[in-house]
């Protein structure tokens, strides 16, 4: 059996730090690794003429990646980064999880004006991921 892979969707820095901390604890306990998945909207990729296979991280992103690497190092887990383009967020999360053979997916689900719609979105994505043997972990980070 392969070592489990934890996929962490790169989102805002504070959320990604919190998700990565949880993923690294999980990976360390289970002998797994962590992959940071940067999901870029296809419109952005097209307009900026970005090659996702050879994505050049900005200076700010590189500084954030150093902080992420420090967390993984503290937990003794391997950390890699992959970039994916998407037209549909949920499909992209599923496709990235499949491509990485991720056991657990830490994803930040965009909020909704209606709380019940947000909860339904999370349940639908969770169901779709479970159908492909991936487990969704999501949470909100307090602002402040």
N, C-alpha and C. Protein backbone atom coordinates (compact mmCIF):
# COMPACT_ATOMS: atom_id res chain seq x y z
N UNK A 1 0.84 -1.18 0.00
CA UNK A 1 0.00 0.00 0.00
C UNK A 1 0.88 1.25 0.00
N UNK A 2 0.51 2.24 -0.80
CA UNK A 2 1.27 3.49 -0.87
C UNK A 2 1.05 4.33 0.37
N UNK A 3 2.06 5.15 0.67
CA UNK A 3 1.93 6.09 1.79
C UNK A 3 0.84 7.10 1.45
N UNK A 4 0.01 7.48 2.41
CA UNK A 4 -1.08 8.41 2.13
C UNK A 4 -0.57 9.81 1.75
N UNK A 5 -1.30 10.43 0.84
CA UNK A 5 -0.99 11.79 0.40
C UNK A 5 -2.08 12.71 0.92
N UNK A 6 -1.67 13.80 1.55
CA UNK A 6 -2.59 14.83 2.01
C UNK A 6 -2.48 16.00 1.04
N UNK A 7 -3.59 16.38 0.43
CA UNK A 7 -3.59 17.52 -0.49
C UNK A 7 -4.13 18.74 0.24
N UNK A 8 -3.39 19.84 0.16
CA UNK A 8 -3.83 21.10 0.77
C UNK A 8 -4.00 22.11 -0.34
N UNK A 9 -5.22 22.59 -0.50
CA UNK A 9 -5.48 23.66 -1.47
C UNK A 9 -4.84 24.94 -0.96
N UNK A 10 -4.03 25.57 -1.79
CA UNK A 10 -3.45 26.85 -1.40
C UNK A 10 -4.51 27.92 -1.54
N UNK A 11 -4.77 28.62 -0.45
CA UNK A 11 -5.77 29.68 -0.42
C UNK A 11 -5.08 30.88 0.21
N UNK A 12 -5.82 31.69 0.95
CA UNK A 12 -5.14 32.80 1.60
C UNK A 12 -4.13 32.23 2.60
N UNK A 13 -3.12 33.02 2.88
CA UNK A 13 -1.97 32.53 3.66
C UNK A 13 -2.38 31.99 5.03
N UNK A 14 -3.23 32.71 5.75
CA UNK A 14 -3.62 32.29 7.10
C UNK A 14 -4.34 30.94 7.06
N UNK A 15 -5.27 30.77 6.12
CA UNK A 15 -5.99 29.51 6.01
C UNK A 15 -5.04 28.38 5.63
N UNK A 16 -4.16 28.64 4.67
CA UNK A 16 -3.23 27.61 4.21
C UNK A 16 -2.30 27.18 5.34
N UNK A 17 -1.83 28.13 6.14
CA UNK A 17 -0.97 27.79 7.28
C UNK A 17 -1.69 26.82 8.22
N UNK A 18 -2.94 27.15 8.55
CA UNK A 18 -3.71 26.31 9.48
C UNK A 18 -3.97 24.93 8.88
N UNK A 19 -4.36 24.89 7.60
CA UNK A 19 -4.63 23.61 6.94
C UNK A 19 -3.37 22.77 6.84
N UNK A 20 -2.27 23.42 6.50
CA UNK A 20 -1.01 22.70 6.36
C UNK A 20 -0.55 22.12 7.70
N UNK A 21 -0.74 22.85 8.76
CA UNK A 21 -0.39 22.34 10.09
C UNK A 21 -1.16 21.05 10.37
N UNK A 22 -2.46 21.05 10.10
CA UNK A 22 -3.27 19.85 10.32
C UNK A 22 -2.85 18.72 9.40
N UNK A 23 -2.63 19.03 8.13
CA UNK A 23 -2.24 18.01 7.16
C UNK A 23 -0.89 17.40 7.51
N UNK A 24 0.05 18.22 7.96
CA UNK A 24 1.37 17.70 8.32
C UNK A 24 1.31 16.81 9.55
N UNK A 25 0.48 17.18 10.52
CA UNK A 25 0.29 16.31 11.70
C UNK A 25 -0.26 14.96 11.27
N UNK A 26 -1.26 15.00 10.39
CA UNK A 26 -1.88 13.78 9.88
C UNK A 26 -0.86 12.95 9.09
N UNK A 27 -0.14 13.59 8.19
CA UNK A 27 0.85 12.89 7.37
C UNK A 27 1.95 12.28 8.23
N UNK A 28 2.39 13.01 9.23
CA UNK A 28 3.45 12.51 10.12
C UNK A 28 2.97 11.27 10.87
N UNK A 29 1.76 11.32 11.38
CA UNK A 29 1.22 10.20 12.15
C UNK A 29 0.99 8.97 11.28
N UNK A 30 0.73 9.19 9.99
CA UNK A 30 0.40 8.08 9.10
C UNK A 30 1.50 7.73 8.12
N UNK A 31 2.67 8.38 8.25
CA UNK A 31 3.78 8.07 7.36
C UNK A 31 3.54 8.54 5.93
N UNK A 32 2.84 9.65 5.79
CA UNK A 32 2.49 10.15 4.47
C UNK A 32 3.25 11.40 4.08
N UNK A 33 2.78 12.03 3.02
CA UNK A 33 3.37 13.26 2.51
C UNK A 33 2.26 14.27 2.25
N UNK A 34 2.68 15.51 1.97
CA UNK A 34 1.72 16.59 1.73
C UNK A 34 2.04 17.23 0.39
N UNK A 35 0.98 17.53 -0.35
CA UNK A 35 1.11 18.26 -1.61
C UNK A 35 0.27 19.52 -1.51
N UNK A 36 0.91 20.67 -1.73
CA UNK A 36 0.18 21.93 -1.83
C UNK A 36 -0.34 22.04 -3.26
N UNK A 37 -1.63 22.28 -3.41
CA UNK A 37 -2.23 22.39 -4.73
C UNK A 37 -2.72 23.82 -4.95
N UNK A 38 -2.07 24.50 -5.87
CA UNK A 38 -2.49 25.85 -6.24
C UNK A 38 -3.48 25.71 -7.39
N UNK A 39 -4.71 26.14 -7.16
CA UNK A 39 -5.76 26.05 -8.17
C UNK A 39 -5.96 27.44 -8.78
N UNK A 40 -5.63 27.56 -10.05
CA UNK A 40 -5.74 28.84 -10.74
C UNK A 40 -6.93 28.82 -11.70
N UNK A 41 -7.74 29.87 -11.69
CA UNK A 41 -8.85 29.93 -12.65
C UNK A 41 -8.33 29.90 -14.09
N UNK A 42 -9.00 29.11 -14.93
CA UNK A 42 -8.58 28.99 -16.32
C UNK A 42 -8.53 30.35 -17.02
N UNK A 43 -9.45 31.24 -16.68
CA UNK A 43 -9.45 32.57 -17.31
C UNK A 43 -8.16 33.31 -17.00
N UNK A 44 -7.67 33.18 -15.78
CA UNK A 44 -6.42 33.82 -15.38
C UNK A 44 -5.23 33.19 -16.12
N UNK A 45 -5.25 31.87 -16.20
CA UNK A 45 -4.18 31.14 -16.89
C UNK A 45 -4.12 31.57 -18.35
N UNK A 46 -5.28 31.67 -18.99
CA UNK A 46 -5.33 32.04 -20.40
C UNK A 46 -4.90 33.49 -20.61
N UNK A 47 -5.47 34.41 -19.83
CA UNK A 47 -5.15 35.84 -20.00
C UNK A 47 -3.68 36.14 -19.72
N UNK A 48 -3.13 35.48 -18.70
CA UNK A 48 -1.73 35.74 -18.33
C UNK A 48 -0.76 34.83 -19.07
N UNK A 49 -1.28 33.97 -19.94
CA UNK A 49 -0.45 33.04 -20.71
C UNK A 49 0.47 32.22 -19.79
N UNK A 50 -0.14 31.61 -18.79
CA UNK A 50 0.59 30.85 -17.78
C UNK A 50 0.66 29.38 -18.18
N UNK A 51 1.84 28.81 -18.06
CA UNK A 51 2.02 27.37 -18.25
C UNK A 51 2.02 26.76 -16.84
N UNK A 52 0.93 26.06 -16.50
CA UNK A 52 0.82 25.53 -15.14
C UNK A 52 1.89 24.50 -14.82
N UNK A 53 2.46 23.87 -15.83
CA UNK A 53 3.53 22.90 -15.61
C UNK A 53 4.84 23.58 -15.22
N UNK A 54 4.99 24.84 -15.59
CA UNK A 54 6.22 25.60 -15.29
C UNK A 54 5.87 26.94 -14.66
N UNK A 55 4.97 26.90 -13.70
CA UNK A 55 4.48 28.11 -13.05
C UNK A 55 5.59 28.80 -12.26
N UNK A 56 5.73 30.10 -12.42
CA UNK A 56 6.70 30.88 -11.67
C UNK A 56 5.99 31.58 -10.52
N UNK A 57 6.30 31.14 -9.31
CA UNK A 57 5.68 31.74 -8.14
C UNK A 57 6.19 33.16 -7.95
N UNK A 58 5.30 34.04 -7.50
CA UNK A 58 5.68 35.43 -7.23
C UNK A 58 6.59 35.46 -6.00
N UNK A 59 7.19 36.60 -5.76
CA UNK A 59 8.06 36.76 -4.60
C UNK A 59 7.29 36.49 -3.30
N UNK A 60 6.08 37.02 -3.23
CA UNK A 60 5.25 36.80 -2.04
C UNK A 60 4.92 35.32 -1.88
N UNK A 61 4.55 34.67 -2.99
CA UNK A 61 4.24 33.24 -2.93
C UNK A 61 5.47 32.44 -2.50
N UNK A 62 6.65 32.83 -2.97
CA UNK A 62 7.88 32.13 -2.57
C UNK A 62 8.13 32.27 -1.07
N UNK A 63 7.87 33.46 -0.53
CA UNK A 63 8.02 33.65 0.92
C UNK A 63 7.04 32.78 1.68
N UNK A 64 5.81 32.70 1.18
CA UNK A 64 4.80 31.85 1.82
C UNK A 64 5.21 30.38 1.73
N UNK A 65 5.74 29.97 0.58
CA UNK A 65 6.20 28.59 0.42
C UNK A 65 7.30 28.24 1.40
N UNK A 66 8.16 29.20 1.72
CA UNK A 66 9.21 28.97 2.72
C UNK A 66 8.59 28.70 4.09
N UNK A 67 7.55 29.46 4.43
CA UNK A 67 6.85 29.23 5.70
C UNK A 67 6.19 27.85 5.71
N UNK A 68 5.61 27.46 4.58
CA UNK A 68 4.97 26.15 4.48
C UNK A 68 6.02 25.04 4.61
N UNK A 69 7.16 25.22 3.97
CA UNK A 69 8.22 24.22 4.04
C UNK A 69 8.72 24.06 5.47
N UNK A 70 8.77 25.17 6.22
CA UNK A 70 9.22 25.11 7.61
C UNK A 70 8.25 24.26 8.45
N UNK A 71 6.96 24.40 8.20
CA UNK A 71 5.96 23.60 8.92
C UNK A 71 6.16 22.12 8.60
N UNK A 72 6.29 21.80 7.32
CA UNK A 72 6.50 20.40 6.93
C UNK A 72 7.79 19.86 7.54
N UNK A 73 8.84 20.67 7.53
CA UNK A 73 10.11 20.25 8.11
C UNK A 73 10.00 19.97 9.60
N UNK A 74 9.24 20.81 10.28
CA UNK A 74 9.04 20.63 11.73
C UNK A 74 8.34 19.30 12.02
N UNK A 75 7.49 18.86 11.08
CA UNK A 75 6.76 17.60 11.27
C UNK A 75 7.46 16.41 10.60
N UNK A 76 8.54 16.70 9.88
CA UNK A 76 9.30 15.63 9.24
C UNK A 76 8.57 14.97 8.08
N UNK A 77 7.78 15.75 7.33
CA UNK A 77 7.07 15.18 6.19
C UNK A 77 7.52 15.85 4.89
N UNK A 78 7.46 15.08 3.81
CA UNK A 78 7.80 15.62 2.49
C UNK A 78 6.69 16.56 2.03
N UNK A 79 7.09 17.66 1.41
CA UNK A 79 6.15 18.65 0.91
C UNK A 79 6.49 18.98 -0.53
N UNK A 80 5.51 18.86 -1.42
CA UNK A 80 5.69 19.25 -2.81
C UNK A 80 4.55 20.20 -3.19
N UNK A 81 4.70 20.83 -4.34
CA UNK A 81 3.71 21.79 -4.82
C UNK A 81 3.33 21.47 -6.25
N UNK A 82 2.05 21.54 -6.54
CA UNK A 82 1.53 21.33 -7.91
C UNK A 82 0.56 22.46 -8.22
N UNK A 83 0.50 22.81 -9.49
CA UNK A 83 -0.40 23.87 -9.96
C UNK A 83 -1.40 23.26 -10.94
N UNK A 84 -2.66 23.62 -10.77
CA UNK A 84 -3.74 23.14 -11.62
C UNK A 84 -4.58 24.31 -12.10
N UNK A 85 -5.03 24.27 -13.33
CA UNK A 85 -5.96 25.26 -13.87
C UNK A 85 -7.37 24.69 -13.76
N UNK A 86 -8.35 25.57 -13.54
CA UNK A 86 -9.73 25.07 -13.44
C UNK A 86 -10.74 26.04 -14.03
N UNK A 87 -11.82 25.45 -14.50
CA UNK A 87 -12.99 26.22 -14.92
C UNK A 87 -14.09 26.10 -13.88
N UNK A 88 -14.13 24.95 -13.20
CA UNK A 88 -15.13 24.67 -12.17
C UNK A 88 -14.37 24.25 -10.91
N UNK A 89 -14.59 24.95 -9.81
CA UNK A 89 -13.84 24.72 -8.58
C UNK A 89 -13.97 23.28 -8.09
N UNK A 90 -15.20 22.80 -7.96
CA UNK A 90 -15.40 21.45 -7.42
C UNK A 90 -14.74 20.39 -8.30
N UNK A 91 -14.89 20.54 -9.60
CA UNK A 91 -14.26 19.59 -10.52
C UNK A 91 -12.74 19.65 -10.38
N UNK A 92 -12.21 20.85 -10.18
CA UNK A 92 -10.75 20.99 -10.04
C UNK A 92 -10.26 20.31 -8.77
N UNK A 93 -10.98 20.45 -7.68
CA UNK A 93 -10.59 19.79 -6.43
C UNK A 93 -10.59 18.28 -6.64
N UNK A 94 -11.63 17.76 -7.28
CA UNK A 94 -11.71 16.33 -7.56
C UNK A 94 -10.60 15.87 -8.49
N UNK A 95 -10.36 16.61 -9.56
CA UNK A 95 -9.32 16.22 -10.52
C UNK A 95 -7.93 16.29 -9.89
N UNK A 96 -7.68 17.31 -9.09
CA UNK A 96 -6.38 17.41 -8.42
C UNK A 96 -6.21 16.25 -7.45
N UNK A 97 -7.24 15.95 -6.68
CA UNK A 97 -7.17 14.82 -5.73
C UNK A 97 -6.91 13.51 -6.46
N UNK A 98 -7.56 13.32 -7.61
CA UNK A 98 -7.33 12.11 -8.41
C UNK A 98 -5.90 12.08 -8.94
N UNK A 99 -5.44 13.21 -9.48
CA UNK A 99 -4.09 13.27 -10.07
C UNK A 99 -3.02 12.99 -9.02
N UNK A 100 -3.27 13.42 -7.80
CA UNK A 100 -2.29 13.24 -6.72
C UNK A 100 -2.51 11.95 -5.95
N UNK A 101 -3.59 11.24 -6.24
CA UNK A 101 -3.99 10.06 -5.48
C UNK A 101 -4.07 10.41 -4.00
N UNK A 102 -4.71 11.55 -3.72
CA UNK A 102 -4.79 12.06 -2.35
C UNK A 102 -5.76 11.25 -1.51
N UNK A 103 -5.35 10.95 -0.31
CA UNK A 103 -6.22 10.28 0.65
C UNK A 103 -7.14 11.32 1.28
N UNK A 104 -6.55 12.42 1.72
CA UNK A 104 -7.28 13.47 2.40
C UNK A 104 -7.08 14.78 1.67
N UNK A 105 -8.15 15.54 1.53
CA UNK A 105 -8.13 16.82 0.82
C UNK A 105 -8.55 17.93 1.79
N UNK A 106 -7.65 18.87 2.00
CA UNK A 106 -7.96 20.05 2.80
C UNK A 106 -8.28 21.17 1.83
N UNK A 107 -9.55 21.57 1.79
CA UNK A 107 -9.98 22.58 0.82
C UNK A 107 -10.79 23.66 1.52
N UNK A 108 -10.59 24.88 1.06
CA UNK A 108 -11.34 26.02 1.56
C UNK A 108 -12.50 26.27 0.61
N UNK A 109 -13.69 25.95 1.07
CA UNK A 109 -14.89 26.08 0.25
C UNK A 109 -15.39 27.52 0.35
N UNK A 110 -15.49 28.20 -0.79
CA UNK A 110 -15.95 29.59 -0.75
C UNK A 110 -17.30 29.71 -0.06
N UNK A 111 -17.45 30.74 0.74
CA UNK A 111 -18.69 30.97 1.47
C UNK A 111 -19.84 31.33 0.55
N UNK A 112 -21.01 31.37 1.10
CA UNK A 112 -22.22 31.70 0.36
C UNK A 112 -23.04 32.65 1.23
N UNK A 113 -23.86 33.46 0.60
CA UNK A 113 -24.72 34.36 1.36
C UNK A 113 -25.69 33.59 2.25
N UNK A 114 -26.07 32.42 1.79
CA UNK A 114 -27.01 31.60 2.53
C UNK A 114 -26.26 30.43 3.18
N UNK A 115 -26.24 30.39 4.50
CA UNK A 115 -25.49 29.33 5.18
C UNK A 115 -25.88 27.92 4.75
N UNK A 116 -27.17 27.68 4.51
CA UNK A 116 -27.58 26.32 4.10
C UNK A 116 -27.01 25.97 2.74
N UNK A 117 -26.85 26.95 1.86
CA UNK A 117 -26.26 26.68 0.53
C UNK A 117 -24.78 26.33 0.68
N UNK A 118 -24.11 26.98 1.61
CA UNK A 118 -22.70 26.68 1.86
C UNK A 118 -22.54 25.26 2.40
N UNK A 119 -23.38 24.91 3.36
CA UNK A 119 -23.33 23.55 3.91
C UNK A 119 -23.65 22.51 2.84
N UNK A 120 -24.61 22.80 1.96
CA UNK A 120 -24.97 21.89 0.87
C UNK A 120 -23.79 21.73 -0.10
N UNK A 121 -23.10 22.83 -0.38
CA UNK A 121 -21.93 22.79 -1.27
C UNK A 121 -20.86 21.88 -0.68
N UNK A 122 -20.61 22.03 0.61
CA UNK A 122 -19.61 21.19 1.28
C UNK A 122 -20.02 19.72 1.22
N UNK A 123 -21.28 19.43 1.51
CA UNK A 123 -21.75 18.04 1.47
C UNK A 123 -21.63 17.45 0.07
N UNK A 124 -21.96 18.24 -0.95
CA UNK A 124 -21.88 17.75 -2.34
C UNK A 124 -20.42 17.44 -2.72
N UNK A 125 -19.51 18.35 -2.37
CA UNK A 125 -18.10 18.12 -2.68
C UNK A 125 -17.58 16.93 -1.88
N UNK A 126 -17.97 16.84 -0.64
CA UNK A 126 -17.55 15.71 0.20
C UNK A 126 -18.03 14.39 -0.41
N UNK A 127 -19.27 14.36 -0.87
CA UNK A 127 -19.83 13.16 -1.50
C UNK A 127 -19.05 12.79 -2.77
N UNK A 128 -18.79 13.80 -3.61
CA UNK A 128 -18.05 13.56 -4.86
C UNK A 128 -16.64 13.03 -4.58
N UNK A 129 -15.97 13.60 -3.59
CA UNK A 129 -14.63 13.13 -3.24
C UNK A 129 -14.66 11.72 -2.68
N UNK A 130 -15.61 11.44 -1.80
CA UNK A 130 -15.73 10.11 -1.19
C UNK A 130 -15.96 9.04 -2.26
N UNK A 131 -16.69 9.40 -3.33
CA UNK A 131 -16.94 8.44 -4.41
C UNK A 131 -15.63 7.99 -5.07
N UNK A 132 -14.60 8.82 -4.97
CA UNK A 132 -13.29 8.47 -5.52
C UNK A 132 -12.26 8.17 -4.43
N UNK A 133 -12.76 7.87 -3.24
CA UNK A 133 -11.91 7.45 -2.11
C UNK A 133 -11.00 8.56 -1.58
N UNK A 134 -11.49 9.79 -1.63
CA UNK A 134 -10.79 10.93 -1.03
C UNK A 134 -11.66 11.44 0.12
N UNK A 135 -11.03 11.97 1.14
CA UNK A 135 -11.75 12.45 2.33
C UNK A 135 -11.55 13.96 2.46
N UNK A 136 -12.65 14.69 2.51
CA UNK A 136 -12.61 16.14 2.60
C UNK A 136 -12.47 16.61 4.03
N UNK A 137 -11.58 17.58 4.23
CA UNK A 137 -11.44 18.28 5.51
C UNK A 137 -11.52 19.76 5.17
N UNK A 138 -12.43 20.45 5.80
CA UNK A 138 -12.56 21.89 5.58
C UNK A 138 -12.90 22.56 6.89
N UNK A 139 -12.56 23.80 7.00
CA UNK A 139 -12.81 24.55 8.23
C UNK A 139 -12.65 26.04 7.90
N UNK A 140 -13.08 26.85 8.83
CA UNK A 140 -12.93 28.30 8.69
C UNK A 140 -11.92 28.78 9.72
N UNK A 141 -11.12 29.75 9.32
CA UNK A 141 -10.15 30.34 10.22
C UNK A 141 -10.73 31.67 10.70
N UNK A 142 -10.67 31.90 11.99
CA UNK A 142 -11.18 33.15 12.54
C UNK A 142 -10.40 34.33 12.00
N UNK A 143 -11.12 35.40 11.67
CA UNK A 143 -10.50 36.63 11.18
C UNK A 143 -10.06 37.45 12.39
N UNK A 144 -8.87 38.01 12.27
CA UNK A 144 -8.42 38.87 13.38
C UNK A 144 -7.06 38.58 13.86
